[in-house]
Amino acid sequence: MARAKRTRETYFPAPLPIQQQQEIFELQKQGFSMNKISKRLGIAYGTMYNYVGKLKT
């Protein structure tokens, strides 16, 4: 990321696998908090927040 900023490149991480996205949505439906889901799946809270935002739209 730092190298990308120095060279003014854009950085777009790969999307989560579909299976992991479905697991996020299922855990959200079961009432798990975003913090617990992110820790359980080993992903960043910000990533979790973005995918839950997609669920609401």
N, C-alpha and C. Protein backbone atom coordinates (compact mmCIF):
# COMPACT_ATOMS: atom_id res chain seq x y z
N MET A 1 0.83 -1.18 0.00
CA MET A 1 0.00 0.00 0.00
C MET A 1 0.88 1.25 0.00
N ALA A 2 1.94 1.25 0.82
CA ALA A 2 2.81 2.41 0.87
C ALA A 2 3.50 2.64 -0.47
N ARG A 3 3.92 1.55 -1.11
CA ARG A 3 4.56 1.67 -2.43
C ARG A 3 3.57 2.24 -3.43
N ALA A 4 2.34 1.81 -3.36
CA ALA A 4 1.31 2.31 -4.27
C ALA A 4 1.09 3.81 -4.09
N LYS A 5 1.13 4.27 -2.85
CA LYS A 5 0.96 5.70 -2.59
C LYS A 5 2.14 6.50 -3.13
N ARG A 6 3.34 5.96 -2.96
CA ARG A 6 4.53 6.67 -3.45
C ARG A 6 4.52 6.79 -4.97
N THR A 7 4.13 5.75 -5.62
CA THR A 7 4.15 5.74 -7.08
C THR A 7 2.82 6.16 -7.69
N ARG A 8 1.86 6.52 -6.83
CA ARG A 8 0.53 6.98 -7.24
C ARG A 8 -0.26 5.92 -8.00
N GLU A 9 0.01 4.68 -7.67
CA GLU A 9 -0.76 3.58 -8.25
C GLU A 9 -2.02 3.40 -7.43
N THR A 10 -3.03 2.86 -8.05
CA THR A 10 -4.24 2.55 -7.29
C THR A 10 -4.15 1.11 -6.80
N TYR A 11 -4.72 0.87 -5.66
CA TYR A 11 -4.68 -0.45 -5.04
C TYR A 11 -6.09 -0.93 -4.81
N PHE A 12 -6.47 -2.00 -5.46
CA PHE A 12 -7.78 -2.60 -5.28
C PHE A 12 -7.60 -4.05 -4.87
N PRO A 13 -7.88 -4.36 -3.59
CA PRO A 13 -7.73 -5.75 -3.16
C PRO A 13 -8.76 -6.65 -3.84
N ALA A 14 -8.43 -7.91 -3.93
CA ALA A 14 -9.34 -8.88 -4.55
C ALA A 14 -10.60 -9.02 -3.68
N PRO A 15 -11.75 -9.19 -4.28
CA PRO A 15 -12.98 -9.37 -3.49
C PRO A 15 -12.95 -10.68 -2.73
N LEU A 16 -13.74 -10.74 -1.68
CA LEU A 16 -13.85 -11.98 -0.91
C LEU A 16 -14.49 -13.06 -1.76
N PRO A 17 -14.11 -14.30 -1.52
CA PRO A 17 -14.77 -15.40 -2.25
C PRO A 17 -16.27 -15.41 -1.95
N ILE A 18 -17.04 -15.86 -2.92
CA ILE A 18 -18.50 -15.89 -2.80
C ILE A 18 -18.93 -16.67 -1.56
N GLN A 19 -18.27 -17.78 -1.30
CA GLN A 19 -18.63 -18.60 -0.15
C GLN A 19 -18.47 -17.83 1.16
N GLN A 20 -17.41 -17.03 1.26
CA GLN A 20 -17.19 -16.24 2.47
C GLN A 20 -18.21 -15.11 2.56
N GLN A 21 -18.59 -14.52 1.43
CA GLN A 21 -19.62 -13.48 1.44
C GLN A 21 -20.94 -14.04 1.93
N GLN A 22 -21.28 -15.24 1.47
CA GLN A 22 -22.53 -15.88 1.90
C GLN A 22 -22.50 -16.17 3.40
N GLU A 23 -21.33 -16.57 3.90
CA GLU A 23 -21.20 -16.84 5.33
C GLU A 23 -21.40 -15.55 6.14
N ILE A 24 -20.89 -14.45 5.64
CA ILE A 24 -21.10 -13.15 6.30
C ILE A 24 -22.59 -12.86 6.41
N PHE A 25 -23.30 -13.02 5.30
CA PHE A 25 -24.73 -12.71 5.28
C PHE A 25 -25.51 -13.64 6.21
N GLU A 26 -25.15 -14.91 6.23
CA GLU A 26 -25.84 -15.87 7.10
C GLU A 26 -25.61 -15.54 8.58
N LEU A 27 -24.38 -15.24 8.94
CA LEU A 27 -24.09 -14.89 10.34
C LEU A 27 -24.78 -13.60 10.74
N GLN A 28 -24.87 -12.66 9.80
CA GLN A 28 -25.57 -11.40 10.07
C GLN A 28 -27.05 -11.68 10.34
N LYS A 29 -27.65 -12.57 9.56
CA LYS A 29 -29.06 -12.93 9.76
C LYS A 29 -29.28 -13.59 11.12
N GLN A 30 -28.28 -14.34 11.59
CA GLN A 30 -28.39 -15.03 12.87
C GLN A 30 -28.20 -14.08 14.05
N GLY A 31 -27.82 -12.83 13.78
CA GLY A 31 -27.73 -11.84 14.84
C GLY A 31 -26.33 -11.61 15.38
N PHE A 32 -25.31 -12.17 14.74
CA PHE A 32 -23.94 -11.93 15.20
C PHE A 32 -23.57 -10.48 14.91
N SER A 33 -22.75 -9.89 15.79
CA SER A 33 -22.29 -8.53 15.56
C SER A 33 -21.23 -8.52 14.47
N MET A 34 -21.03 -7.37 13.86
CA MET A 34 -20.03 -7.27 12.80
C MET A 34 -18.64 -7.55 13.36
N ASN A 35 -18.39 -7.14 14.57
CA ASN A 35 -17.08 -7.37 15.19
C ASN A 35 -16.83 -8.87 15.37
N LYS A 36 -17.82 -9.60 15.85
CA LYS A 36 -17.68 -11.04 16.04
C LYS A 36 -17.52 -11.78 14.72
N ILE A 37 -18.25 -11.34 13.71
CA ILE A 37 -18.15 -11.99 12.41
C ILE A 37 -16.77 -11.77 11.82
N SER A 38 -16.27 -10.54 11.89
CA SER A 38 -14.95 -10.25 11.32
C SER A 38 -13.85 -11.06 12.02
N LYS A 39 -13.94 -11.18 13.33
CA LYS A 39 -12.95 -11.98 14.07
C LYS A 39 -13.09 -13.46 13.74
N ARG A 40 -14.30 -13.92 13.62
CA ARG A 40 -14.54 -15.34 13.34
C ARG A 40 -14.01 -15.74 11.96
N LEU A 41 -14.18 -14.84 10.97
CA LEU A 41 -13.75 -15.14 9.60
C LEU A 41 -12.33 -14.68 9.31
N GLY A 42 -11.74 -13.93 10.22
CA GLY A 42 -10.37 -13.47 10.03
C GLY A 42 -10.22 -12.39 8.97
N ILE A 43 -11.23 -11.51 8.90
CA ILE A 43 -11.16 -10.40 7.94
C ILE A 43 -11.21 -9.09 8.72
N ALA A 44 -10.80 -8.02 8.08
CA ALA A 44 -10.79 -6.70 8.72
C ALA A 44 -12.22 -6.21 8.96
N TYR A 45 -12.39 -5.44 10.02
CA TYR A 45 -13.70 -4.90 10.36
C TYR A 45 -14.22 -4.03 9.22
N GLY A 46 -13.35 -3.24 8.59
CA GLY A 46 -13.75 -2.37 7.49
C GLY A 46 -14.29 -3.16 6.31
N THR A 47 -13.65 -4.28 6.02
CA THR A 47 -14.11 -5.16 4.94
C THR A 47 -15.48 -5.69 5.30
N MET A 48 -15.63 -6.11 6.53
CA MET A 48 -16.91 -6.63 7.01
C MET A 48 -18.00 -5.56 6.86
N TYR A 49 -17.68 -4.35 7.24
CA TYR A 49 -18.62 -3.23 7.17
C TYR A 49 -19.07 -3.00 5.73
N ASN A 50 -18.12 -3.06 4.79
CA ASN A 50 -18.46 -2.86 3.38
C ASN A 50 -19.41 -3.93 2.86
N TYR A 51 -19.17 -5.18 3.21
CA TYR A 51 -20.03 -6.25 2.71
C TYR A 51 -21.41 -6.24 3.37
N VAL A 52 -21.49 -5.85 4.62
CA VAL A 52 -22.80 -5.72 5.27
C VAL A 52 -23.56 -4.56 4.64
N GLY A 53 -22.86 -3.51 4.26
CA GLY A 53 -23.48 -2.38 3.56
C GLY A 53 -24.10 -2.82 2.24
N LYS A 54 -23.43 -3.73 1.54
CA LYS A 54 -23.97 -4.25 0.29
C LYS A 54 -25.24 -5.06 0.55
N LEU A 55 -25.30 -5.72 1.69
CA LEU A 55 -26.48 -6.52 2.05
C LEU A 55 -27.69 -5.63 2.22
N LYS A 56 -27.50 -4.45 2.79
CA LYS A 56 -28.62 -3.55 3.08
C LYS A 56 -29.16 -2.86 1.84
N THR A 57 -28.38 -2.79 0.78
CA THR A 57 -28.85 -2.10 -0.43
C THR A 57 -29.62 -3.00 -1.35
